[in-house]
Amino acid sequence: FLSKVGGDLTSYCLNWELLHYLLQSSAQTFTVNVRKNSFLQESIARL
């Protein structure tokens, strides 16, 4: 999956559990859209 999307998640809505899983599963850099994912601001400490 990560090979296909290339770490670009800007078009999609996520949640902390999904993003955390992807971050733990790969050393890849991920690009996320802050305005589509309000949980990011609430999860700053965990990020």
All heavy atoms as atom14 arrays in JSON, in Angstrom:
{
  "sequence": "FLSKVGGDLTSYCLNWELLHYLLQSSAQTFTVNVRKNSFLQESIARL",
  "atom14_mask": [
    [1, 1, 1, 1, 1, 1, 1, 1, 1, 1, 1, 0, 0, 0],
    [1, 1, 1, 1, 1, 1, 1, 1, 0, 0, 0, 0, 0, 0],
    [1, 1, 1, 1, 1, 1, 0, 0, 0, 0, 0, 0, 0, 0],
    [1, 1, 1, 1, 1, 1, 1, 1, 1, 0, 0, 0, 0, 0],
    [1, 1, 1, 1, 1, 1, 1, 0, 0, 0, 0, 0, 0, 0],
    [1, 1, 1, 1, 0, 0, 0, 0, 0, 0, 0, 0, 0, 0],
    [1, 1, 1, 1, 0, 0, 0, 0, 0, 0, 0, 0, 0, 0],
    [1, 1, 1, 1, 1, 1, 1, 1, 0, 0, 0, 0, 0, 0],
    [1, 1, 1, 1, 1, 1, 1, 1, 0, 0, 0, 0, 0, 0],
    [1, 1, 1, 1, 1, 1, 1, 0, 0, 0, 0, 0, 0, 0],
    [1, 1, 1, 1, 1, 1, 0, 0, 0, 0, 0, 0, 0, 0],
    [1, 1, 1, 1, 1, 1, 1, 1, 1, 1, 1, 1, 0, 0],
    [1, 1, 1, 1, 1, 1, 0, 0, 0, 0, 0, 0, 0, 0],
    [1, 1, 1, 1, 1, 1, 1, 1, 0, 0, 0, 0, 0, 0],
    [1, 1, 1, 1, 1, 1, 1, 1, 0, 0, 0, 0, 0, 0],
    [1, 1, 1, 1, 1, 1, 1, 1, 1, 1, 1, 1, 1, 1],
    [1, 1, 1, 1, 1, 1, 1, 1, 1, 0, 0, 0, 0, 0],
    [1, 1, 1, 1, 1, 1, 1, 1, 0, 0, 0, 0, 0, 0],
    [1, 1, 1, 1, 1, 1, 1, 1, 0, 0, 0, 0, 0, 0],
    [1, 1, 1, 1, 1, 1, 1, 1, 1, 1, 0, 0, 0, 0],
    [1, 1, 1, 1, 1, 1, 1, 1, 1, 1, 1, 1, 0, 0],
    [1, 1, 1, 1, 1, 1, 1, 1, 0, 0, 0, 0, 0, 0],
    [1, 1, 1, 1, 1, 1, 1, 1, 0, 0, 0, 0, 0, 0],
    [1, 1, 1, 1, 1, 1, 1, 1, 1, 0, 0, 0, 0, 0],
    [1, 1, 1, 1, 1, 1, 0, 0, 0, 0, 0, 0, 0, 0],
    [1, 1, 1, 1, 1, 1, 0, 0, 0, 0, 0, 0, 0, 0],
    [1, 1, 1, 1, 1, 0, 0, 0, 0, 0, 0, 0, 0, 0],
    [1, 1, 1, 1, 1, 1, 1, 1, 1, 0, 0, 0, 0, 0],
    [1, 1, 1, 1, 1, 1, 1, 0, 0, 0, 0, 0, 0, 0],
    [1, 1, 1, 1, 1, 1, 1, 1, 1, 1, 1, 0, 0, 0],
    [1, 1, 1, 1, 1, 1, 1, 0, 0, 0, 0, 0, 0, 0],
    [1, 1, 1, 1, 1, 1, 1, 0, 0, 0, 0, 0, 0, 0],
    [1, 1, 1, 1, 1, 1, 1, 1, 0, 0, 0, 0, 0, 0],
    [1, 1, 1, 1, 1, 1, 1, 0, 0, 0, 0, 0, 0, 0],
    [1, 1, 1, 1, 1, 1, 1, 1, 1, 1, 1, 0, 0, 0],
    [1, 1, 1, 1, 1, 1, 1, 1, 1, 0, 0, 0, 0, 0],
    [1, 1, 1, 1, 1, 1, 1, 1, 0, 0, 0, 0, 0, 0],
    [1, 1, 1, 1, 1, 1, 0, 0, 0, 0, 0, 0, 0, 0],
    [1, 1, 1, 1, 1, 1, 1, 1, 1, 1, 1, 0, 0, 0],
    [1, 1, 1, 1, 1, 1, 1, 1, 0, 0, 0, 0, 0, 0],
    [1, 1, 1, 1, 1, 1, 1, 1, 1, 0, 0, 0, 0, 0],
    [1, 1, 1, 1, 1, 1, 1, 1, 1, 0, 0, 0, 0, 0],
    [1, 1, 1, 1, 1, 1, 0, 0, 0, 0, 0, 0, 0, 0],
    [1, 1, 1, 1, 1, 1, 1, 1, 0, 0, 0, 0, 0, 0],
    [1, 1, 1, 1, 1, 0, 0, 0, 0, 0, 0, 0, 0, 0],
    [1, 1, 1, 1, 1, 1, 1, 1, 1, 1, 1, 0, 0, 0],
    [1, 1, 1, 1, 1, 1, 1, 1, 0, 0, 0, 0, 0, 0]
  ],
  "atom14_positions": [
    [[0.83, -1.2, 0.0], [0.0, 0.0, 0.0], [0.87, 1.27, 0.0], [0.66, 2.19, -0.79], [-0.91, -0.01, 1.23], [-1.55, 1.32, 1.52], [-2.63, 1.76, 0.78], [-1.05, 2.12, 2.54], [-3.2, 2.99, 1.05], [-1.62, 3.35, 2.81], [-2.71, 3.78, 2.06], [0.0, 0.0, 0.0], [0.0, 0.0, 0.0], [0.0, 0.0, 0.0]],
    [[1.86, 1.29, 0.89], [2.71, 2.47, 0.99], [3.54, 2.68, -0.27], [3.83, 3.82, -0.66], [3.63, 2.36, 2.2], [2.92, 2.39, 3.56], [3.91, 2.19, 4.7], [2.16, 3.69, 3.74], [0.0, 0.0, 0.0], [0.0, 0.0, 0.0], [0.0, 0.0, 0.0], [0.0, 0.0, 0.0], [0.0, 0.0, 0.0], [0.0, 0.0, 0.0]],
    [[3.92, 1.6, -0.94], [4.64, 1.72, -2.2], [3.78, 2.4, -3.26], [4.27, 3.16, -4.1], [5.08, 0.34, -2.7], [5.96, -0.25, -1.79], [0.0, 0.0, 0.0], [0.0, 0.0, 0.0], [0.0, 0.0, 0.0], [0.0, 0.0, 0.0], [0.0, 0.0, 0.0], [0.0, 0.0, 0.0], [0.0, 0.0, 0.0], [0.0, 0.0, 0.0]],
    [[2.49, 2.13, -3.22], [1.57, 2.7, -4.21], [1.32, 4.19, -3.97], [1.41, 4.99, -4.9], [0.24, 1.96, -4.2], [-0.78, 2.53, -5.18], [-2.04, 1.69, -5.22], [-3.09, 2.34, -6.11], [-2.64, 2.54, -7.5], [0.0, 0.0, 0.0], [0.0, 0.0, 0.0], [0.0, 0.0, 0.0], [0.0, 0.0, 0.0], [0.0, 0.0, 0.0]],
    [[1.04, 4.57, -2.73], [0.67, 5.97, -2.47], [1.9, 6.87, -2.27], [1.77, 8.09, -2.31], [-0.25, 6.08, -1.24], [-1.52, 5.29, -1.44], [0.46, 5.63, 0.04], [0.0, 0.0, 0.0], [0.0, 0.0, 0.0], [0.0, 0.0, 0.0], [0.0, 0.0, 0.0], [0.0, 0.0, 0.0], [0.0, 0.0, 0.0], [0.0, 0.0, 0.0]],
    [[3.08, 6.27, -2.05], [4.29, 7.06, -1.93], [4.32, 8.0, -0.75], [5.0, 9.02, -0.78], [0.0, 0.0, 0.0], [0.0, 0.0, 0.0], [0.0, 0.0, 0.0], [0.0, 0.0, 0.0], [0.0, 0.0, 0.0], [0.0, 0.0, 0.0], [0.0, 0.0, 0.0], [0.0, 0.0, 0.0], [0.0, 0.0, 0.0], [0.0, 0.0, 0.0]],
    [[3.57, 7.72, 0.28], [3.57, 8.55, 1.47], [2.71, 9.79, 1.37], [2.59, 10.54, 2.34], [0.0, 0.0, 0.0], [0.0, 0.0, 0.0], [0.0, 0.0, 0.0], [0.0, 0.0, 0.0], [0.0, 0.0, 0.0], [0.0, 0.0, 0.0], [0.0, 0.0, 0.0], [0.0, 0.0, 0.0], [0.0, 0.0, 0.0], [0.0, 0.0, 0.0]],
    [[2.09, 10.02, 0.22], [1.25, 11.22, 0.05], [-0.17, 10.92, 0.5], [-0.94, 10.27, -0.19], [1.26, 11.65, -1.42], [0.52, 12.96, -1.64], [0.0, 13.52, -0.65], [0.47, 13.43, -2.78], [0.0, 0.0, 0.0], [0.0, 0.0, 0.0], [0.0, 0.0, 0.0], [0.0, 0.0, 0.0], [0.0, 0.0, 0.0], [0.0, 0.0, 0.0]],
    [[-0.53, 11.45, 1.67], [-1.87, 11.23, 2.24], [-2.69, 12.52, 2.27], [-3.66, 12.62, 3.01], [-1.74, 10.66, 3.66], [-0.86, 9.4, 3.82], [-0.77, 9.01, 5.29], [-1.4, 8.25, 2.98], [0.0, 0.0, 0.0], [0.0, 0.0, 0.0], [0.0, 0.0, 0.0], [0.0, 0.0, 0.0], [0.0, 0.0, 0.0], [0.0, 0.0, 0.0]],
    [[-2.29, 13.5, 1.48], [-2.92, 14.83, 1.57], [-4.38, 14.84, 1.15], [-5.13, 15.73, 1.55], [-2.14, 15.85, 0.71], [-2.04, 15.35, -0.63], [-0.77, 16.1, 1.28], [0.0, 0.0, 0.0], [0.0, 0.0, 0.0], [0.0, 0.0, 0.0], [0.0, 0.0, 0.0], [0.0, 0.0, 0.0], [0.0, 0.0, 0.0], [0.0, 0.0, 0.0]],
    [[-4.82, 13.88, 0.36], [-6.2, 13.9, -0.13], [-7.17, 13.19, 0.8], [-8.38, 13.15, 0.52], [-6.27, 13.25, -1.52], [-5.48, 13.94, -2.44], [0.0, 0.0, 0.0], [0.0, 0.0, 0.0], [0.0, 0.0, 0.0], [0.0, 0.0, 0.0], [0.0, 0.0, 0.0], [0.0, 0.0, 0.0], [0.0, 0.0, 0.0], [0.0, 0.0, 0.0]],
    [[-6.68, 12.64, 1.89], [-7.51, 11.74, 2.68], [-7.64, 12.16, 4.14], [-6.75, 12.77, 4.72], [-6.92, 10.32, 2.6], [-6.68, 9.88, 1.18], [-5.4, 9.81, 0.67], [-7.75, 9.59, 0.35], [-5.17, 9.44, -0.64], [-7.54, 9.22, -0.97], [-6.25, 9.14, -1.46], [-6.05, 8.79, -2.76], [0.0, 0.0, 0.0], [0.0, 0.0, 0.0]],
    [[-8.79, 11.78, 4.7], [-9.04, 11.97, 6.13], [-8.55, 10.74, 6.89], [-8.83, 9.61, 6.49], [-10.54, 12.17, 6.38], [-11.19, 13.7, 5.69], [0.0, 0.0, 0.0], [0.0, 0.0, 0.0], [0.0, 0.0, 0.0], [0.0, 0.0, 0.0], [0.0, 0.0, 0.0], [0.0, 0.0, 0.0], [0.0, 0.0, 0.0], [0.0, 0.0, 0.0]],
    [[-7.86, 10.98, 7.96], [-7.29, 9.89, 8.74], [-7.79, 9.99, 10.18], [-8.68, 10.77, 10.49], [-5.75, 9.97, 8.72], [-5.09, 10.12, 7.34], [-3.62, 10.49, 7.49], [-5.22, 8.81, 6.56], [0.0, 0.0, 0.0], [0.0, 0.0, 0.0], [0.0, 0.0, 0.0], [0.0, 0.0, 0.0], [0.0, 0.0, 0.0], [0.0, 0.0, 0.0]],
    [[-7.22, 9.19, 11.05], [-7.37, 9.36, 12.49], [-6.03, 8.99, 13.12], [-5.12, 8.51, 12.43], [-8.52, 8.52, 13.06], [-8.36, 7.03, 12.75], [-7.29, 6.46, 12.9], [-9.45, 6.41, 12.31], [0.0, 0.0, 0.0], [0.0, 0.0, 0.0], [0.0, 0.0, 0.0], [0.0, 0.0, 0.0], [0.0, 0.0, 0.0], [0.0, 0.0, 0.0]],
    [[-5.89, 9.23, 14.39], [-4.6, 9.02, 15.02], [-4.15, 7.57, 14.94], [-2.98, 7.27, 14.67], [-4.64, 9.48, 16.48], [-3.45, 8.96, 17.27], [-3.45, 8.03, 18.26], [-2.08, 9.31, 17.06], [-2.18, 7.79, 18.71], [-1.3, 8.57, 17.98], [-1.43, 10.18, 16.18], [0.07, 8.66, 18.06], [-0.05, 10.28, 16.26], [0.69, 9.52, 17.18]],
    [[-5.07, 6.63, 15.16], [-4.7, 5.22, 15.16], [-4.12, 4.8, 13.81], [-3.09, 4.09, 13.74], [-5.91, 4.35, 15.51], [-6.35, 4.42, 16.96], [-7.04, 5.73, 17.31], [-7.51, 6.42, 16.37], [-7.08, 6.08, 18.5], [0.0, 0.0, 0.0], [0.0, 0.0, 0.0], [0.0, 0.0, 0.0], [0.0, 0.0, 0.0], [0.0, 0.0, 0.0]],
    [[-4.78, 5.22, 12.71], [-4.3, 4.85, 11.38], [-2.93, 5.47, 11.1], [-2.02, 4.8, 10.61], [-5.3, 5.3, 10.32], [-6.63, 4.55, 10.25], [-7.54, 5.19, 9.21], [-6.39, 3.08, 9.9], [0.0, 0.0, 0.0], [0.0, 0.0, 0.0], [0.0, 0.0, 0.0], [0.0, 0.0, 0.0], [0.0, 0.0, 0.0], [0.0, 0.0, 0.0]],
    [[-2.78, 6.77, 11.39], [-1.51, 7.43, 11.11], [-0.4, 6.84, 11.96], [0.71, 6.61, 11.48], [-1.65, 8.94, 11.38], [-0.39, 9.78, 11.15], [0.09, 9.65, 9.71], [-0.63, 11.24, 11.49], [0.0, 0.0, 0.0], [0.0, 0.0, 0.0], [0.0, 0.0, 0.0], [0.0, 0.0, 0.0], [0.0, 0.0, 0.0], [0.0, 0.0, 0.0]],
    [[-0.71, 6.56, 13.22], [0.3, 5.99, 14.11], [0.74, 4.63, 13.61], [1.95, 4.3, 13.63], [-0.27, 5.87, 15.53], [0.75, 5.49, 16.54], [0.53, 4.52, 17.5], [2.03, 5.93, 16.74], [1.61, 4.4, 18.25], [2.53, 5.25, 17.82], [0.0, 0.0, 0.0], [0.0, 0.0, 0.0], [0.0, 0.0, 0.0], [0.0, 0.0, 0.0]],
    [[-0.2, 3.83, 13.13], [0.13, 2.51, 12.59], [1.07, 2.64, 11.38], [2.07, 1.92, 11.27], [-1.14, 1.76, 12.2], [-0.88, 0.51, 11.38], [-0.22, -0.59, 11.95], [-1.25, 0.44, 10.05], [0.04, -1.73, 11.2], [-1.0, -0.69, 9.29], [-0.34, -1.78, 9.87], [-0.08, -2.9, 9.13], [0.0, 0.0, 0.0], [0.0, 0.0, 0.0]],
    [[0.75, 3.56, 10.47], [1.59, 3.75, 9.28], [2.98, 4.24, 9.65], [3.98, 3.79, 9.08], [0.92, 4.75, 8.32], [-0.42, 4.3, 7.71], [-1.01, 5.43, 6.86], [-0.24, 3.04, 6.88], [0.0, 0.0, 0.0], [0.0, 0.0, 0.0], [0.0, 0.0, 0.0], [0.0, 0.0, 0.0], [0.0, 0.0, 0.0], [0.0, 0.0, 0.0]],
    [[3.06, 5.14, 10.61], [4.36, 5.65, 11.05], [5.22, 4.56, 11.67], [6.44, 4.54, 11.5], [4.16, 6.79, 12.06], [3.64, 8.12, 11.49], [3.17, 9.03, 12.61], [4.74, 8.81, 10.68], [0.0, 0.0, 0.0], [0.0, 0.0, 0.0], [0.0, 0.0, 0.0], [0.0, 0.0, 0.0], [0.0, 0.0, 0.0], [0.0, 0.0, 0.0]],
    [[4.57, 3.63, 12.37], [5.31, 2.53, 12.99], [5.68, 1.44, 12.0], [6.63, 0.69, 12.22], [4.48, 1.91, 14.12], [4.35, 2.8, 15.35], [3.57, 2.12, 16.46], [2.52, 1.53, 16.22], [4.1, 2.21, 17.67], [0.0, 0.0, 0.0], [0.0, 0.0, 0.0], [0.0, 0.0, 0.0], [0.0, 0.0, 0.0], [0.0, 0.0, 0.0]],
    [[4.93, 1.38, 10.89], [5.13, 0.3, 9.92], [6.18, 0.61, 8.88], [6.6, -0.29, 8.13], [3.8, -0.01, 9.2], [2.8, -0.37, 10.12], [0.0, 0.0, 0.0], [0.0, 0.0, 0.0], [0.0, 0.0, 0.0], [0.0, 0.0, 0.0], [0.0, 0.0, 0.0], [0.0, 0.0, 0.0], [0.0, 0.0, 0.0], [0.0, 0.0, 0.0]],
    [[6.58, 1.86, 8.78], [7.5, 2.24, 7.71], [8.36, 3.42, 8.16], [7.96, 4.22, 9.0], [6.7, 2.64, 6.46], [7.52, 3.24, 5.5], [0.0, 0.0, 0.0], [0.0, 0.0, 0.0], [0.0, 0.0, 0.0], [0.0, 0.0, 0.0], [0.0, 0.0, 0.0], [0.0, 0.0, 0.0], [0.0, 0.0, 0.0], [0.0, 0.0, 0.0]],
    [[9.56, 3.5, 7.56], [10.45, 4.64, 7.81], [10.18, 5.76, 6.81], [10.92, 6.75, 6.76], [11.9, 4.19, 7.71], [0.0, 0.0, 0.0], [0.0, 0.0, 0.0], [0.0, 0.0, 0.0], [0.0, 0.0, 0.0], [0.0, 0.0, 0.0], [0.0, 0.0, 0.0], [0.0, 0.0, 0.0], [0.0, 0.0, 0.0], [0.0, 0.0, 0.0]],
    [[9.11, 5.6, 6.03], [8.77, 6.56, 4.99], [8.3, 7.89, 5.59], [7.8, 7.95, 6.72], [7.67, 5.98, 4.11], [7.42, 6.72, 2.82], [6.6, 5.87, 1.86], [6.19, 4.77, 2.19], [6.37, 6.39, 0.67], [0.0, 0.0, 0.0], [0.0, 0.0, 0.0], [0.0, 0.0, 0.0], [0.0, 0.0, 0.0], [0.0, 0.0, 0.0]],
    [[8.47, 8.97, 4.82], [7.94, 10.28, 5.21], [6.52, 10.42, 4.67], [6.26, 10.14, 3.5], [8.83, 11.41, 4.66], [10.12, 11.31, 5.25], [8.23, 12.77, 5.0], [0.0, 0.0, 0.0], [0.0, 0.0, 0.0], [0.0, 0.0, 0.0], [0.0, 0.0, 0.0], [0.0, 0.0, 0.0], [0.0, 0.0, 0.0], [0.0, 0.0, 0.0]],
    [[5.61, 10.88, 5.52], [4.2, 11.01, 5.13], [3.82, 12.48, 5.06], [4.22, 13.29, 5.91], [3.29, 10.29, 6.12], [3.48, 8.8, 6.13], [4.35, 8.21, 7.05], [2.82, 8.0, 5.23], [4.54, 6.85, 7.05], [3.02, 6.62, 5.22], [3.87, 6.04, 6.13], [0.0, 0.0, 0.0], [0.0, 0.0, 0.0], [0.0, 0.0, 0.0]],
    [[3.02, 12.81, 4.06], [2.49, 14.17, 3.91], [1.01, 14.15, 4.22], [0.25, 13.38, 3.62], [2.71, 14.68, 2.47], [4.1, 14.61, 2.16], [2.25, 16.13, 2.34], [0.0, 0.0, 0.0], [0.0, 0.0, 0.0], [0.0, 0.0, 0.0], [0.0, 0.0, 0.0], [0.0, 0.0, 0.0], [0.0, 0.0, 0.0], [0.0, 0.0, 0.0]],
    [[0.59, 14.98, 5.18], [-0.81, 14.98, 5.6], [-1.37, 16.41, 5.53], [-0.64, 17.38, 5.68], [-0.96, 14.43, 7.03], [-0.61, 12.96, 7.08], [-0.1, 15.22, 8.02], [0.0, 0.0, 0.0], [0.0, 0.0, 0.0], [0.0, 0.0, 0.0], [0.0, 0.0, 0.0], [0.0, 0.0, 0.0], [0.0, 0.0, 0.0], [0.0, 0.0, 0.0]],
    [[-2.66, 16.48, 5.28], [-3.36, 17.76, 5.18], [-3.95, 18.11, 6.54], [-4.87, 17.45, 7.02], [-4.46, 17.65, 4.12], [-5.11, 18.99, 3.82], [-5.26, 19.84, 4.69], [-5.53, 19.17, 2.57], [0.0, 0.0, 0.0], [0.0, 0.0, 0.0], [0.0, 0.0, 0.0], [0.0, 0.0, 0.0], [0.0, 0.0, 0.0], [0.0, 0.0, 0.0]],
    [[-3.42, 19.17, 7.15], [-3.85, 19.52, 8.5], [-5.33, 19.9, 8.52], [-6.06, 19.56, 9.45], [-2.99, 20.68, 9.05], [-3.53, 21.18, 10.39], [-1.54, 20.24, 9.19], [0.0, 0.0, 0.0], [0.0, 0.0, 0.0], [0.0, 0.0, 0.0], [0.0, 0.0, 0.0], [0.0, 0.0, 0.0], [0.0, 0.0, 0.0], [0.0, 0.0, 0.0]],
    [[-5.79, 20.6, 7.5], [-7.17, 21.09, 7.51], [-8.19, 19.98, 7.28], [-9.36, 20.15, 7.58], [-7.33, 22.21, 6.49], [-6.38, 23.36, 6.79], [-6.71, 24.62, 6.09], [-5.72, 25.65, 6.4], [-5.81, 26.91, 6.08], [-6.87, 27.34, 5.41], [-4.86, 27.77, 6.41], [0.0, 0.0, 0.0], [0.0, 0.0, 0.0], [0.0, 0.0, 0.0]],
    [[-7.76, 18.85, 6.74], [-8.66, 17.71, 6.58], [-8.61, 16.77, 7.77], [-9.39, 15.83, 7.85], [-8.31, 16.93, 5.29], [-8.63, 17.65, 4.0], [-8.21, 16.83, 2.8], [-9.11, 15.63, 2.58], [-10.4, 16.01, 1.98], [0.0, 0.0, 0.0], [0.0, 0.0, 0.0], [0.0, 0.0, 0.0], [0.0, 0.0, 0.0], [0.0, 0.0, 0.0]],
    [[-7.65, 17.04, 8.67], [-7.45, 16.12, 9.79], [-7.3, 16.91, 11.09], [-6.18, 17.17, 11.57], [-6.2, 15.26, 9.54], [-6.34, 14.34, 8.35], [-6.97, 13.28, 8.44], [-5.77, 14.74, 7.23], [0.0, 0.0, 0.0], [0.0, 0.0, 0.0], [0.0, 0.0, 0.0], [0.0, 0.0, 0.0], [0.0, 0.0, 0.0], [0.0, 0.0, 0.0]],
    [[-8.42, 17.27, 11.66], [-8.4, 18.11, 12.87], [-7.77, 17.39, 14.06], [-7.31, 18.05, 15.0], [-9.83, 18.55, 13.22], [-10.67, 17.42, 13.43], [0.0, 0.0, 0.0], [0.0, 0.0, 0.0], [0.0, 0.0, 0.0], [0.0, 0.0, 0.0], [0.0, 0.0, 0.0], [0.0, 0.0, 0.0], [0.0, 0.0, 0.0], [0.0, 0.0, 0.0]],
    [[-7.7, 16.09, 14.03], [-7.13, 15.35, 15.15], [-5.64, 15.66, 15.33], [-5.08, 15.47, 16.41], [-7.31, 13.83, 14.95], [-6.33, 13.22, 13.99], [-5.11, 12.71, 14.42], [-6.61, 13.15, 12.63], [-4.21, 12.15, 13.54], [-5.72, 12.59, 11.74], [-4.52, 12.09, 12.19], [0.0, 0.0, 0.0], [0.0, 0.0, 0.0], [0.0, 0.0, 0.0]],
    [[-4.98, 16.14, 14.27], [-3.54, 16.4, 14.35], [-3.22, 17.43, 15.42], [-2.25, 17.29, 16.16], [-3.02, 16.88, 12.99], [-3.01, 15.82, 11.86], [-2.73, 16.48, 10.52], [-1.98, 14.74, 12.16], [0.0, 0.0, 0.0], [0.0, 0.0, 0.0], [0.0, 0.0, 0.0], [0.0, 0.0, 0.0], [0.0, 0.0, 0.0], [0.0, 0.0, 0.0]],
    [[-4.05, 18.49, 15.5], [-3.8, 19.52, 16.5], [-3.99, 18.97, 17.9], [-3.25, 19.34, 18.82], [-4.72, 20.71, 16.26], [-4.45, 21.9, 17.18], [-5.1, 23.18, 16.69], [-5.37, 23.34, 15.52], [-5.36, 24.1, 17.61], [0.0, 0.0, 0.0], [0.0, 0.0, 0.0], [0.0, 0.0, 0.0], [0.0, 0.0, 0.0], [0.0, 0.0, 0.0]],
    [[-4.95, 18.09, 18.07], [-5.21, 17.49, 19.38], [-4.15, 16.46, 19.75], [-4.01, 16.1, 20.92], [-6.59, 16.83, 19.38], [-7.72, 17.8, 19.02], [-9.0, 17.06, 18.62], [-8.99, 15.8, 18.68], [-9.97, 17.73, 18.25], [0.0, 0.0, 0.0], [0.0, 0.0, 0.0], [0.0, 0.0, 0.0], [0.0, 0.0, 0.0], [0.0, 0.0, 0.0]],
    [[-3.39, 15.99, 18.75], [-2.41, 14.91, 18.98], [-0.98, 15.39, 18.9], [-0.07, 14.59, 18.68], [-2.64, 13.8, 17.95], [-3.98, 13.35, 17.96], [0.0, 0.0, 0.0], [0.0, 0.0, 0.0], [0.0, 0.0, 0.0], [0.0, 0.0, 0.0], [0.0, 0.0, 0.0], [0.0, 0.0, 0.0], [0.0, 0.0, 0.0], [0.0, 0.0, 0.0]],
    [[-0.76, 16.71, 19.06], [0.59, 17.27, 18.9], [1.6, 16.55, 19.79], [2.7, 16.18, 19.35], [0.59, 18.78, 19.21], [-0.06, 19.56, 18.07], [2.01, 19.28, 19.45], [0.72, 19.54, 16.79], [0.0, 0.0, 0.0], [0.0, 0.0, 0.0], [0.0, 0.0, 0.0], [0.0, 0.0, 0.0], [0.0, 0.0, 0.0], [0.0, 0.0, 0.0]],
    [[1.25, 16.34, 21.05], [2.2, 15.71, 21.97], [2.61, 14.33, 21.48], [3.78, 13.94, 21.57], [1.6, 15.63, 23.37], [0.0, 0.0, 0.0], [0.0, 0.0, 0.0], [0.0, 0.0, 0.0], [0.0, 0.0, 0.0], [0.0, 0.0, 0.0], [0.0, 0.0, 0.0], [0.0, 0.0, 0.0], [0.0, 0.0, 0.0], [0.0, 0.0, 0.0]],
    [[1.64, 13.56, 20.94], [1.96, 12.21, 20.45], [2.72, 12.24, 19.13], [3.41, 11.27, 18.77], [0.66, 11.41, 20.3], [-0.01, 11.09, 21.62], [-1.23, 10.21, 21.45], [-2.35, 10.92, 20.85], [-3.57, 10.41, 20.69], [-3.81, 9.17, 21.08], [-4.54, 11.12, 20.16], [0.0, 0.0, 0.0], [0.0, 0.0, 0.0], [0.0, 0.0, 0.0]],
    [[2.6, 13.36, 18.38], [3.28, 13.46, 17.09], [4.76, 13.83, 17.22], [5.53, 13.64, 16.28], [2.58, 14.51, 16.21], [1.25, 14.11, 15.59], [0.58, 15.34, 14.98], [1.45, 13.04, 14.53], [0.0, 0.0, 0.0], [0.0, 0.0, 0.0], [0.0, 0.0, 0.0], [0.0, 0.0, 0.0], [0.0, 0.0, 0.0], [0.0, 0.0, 0.0]]
  ]
}
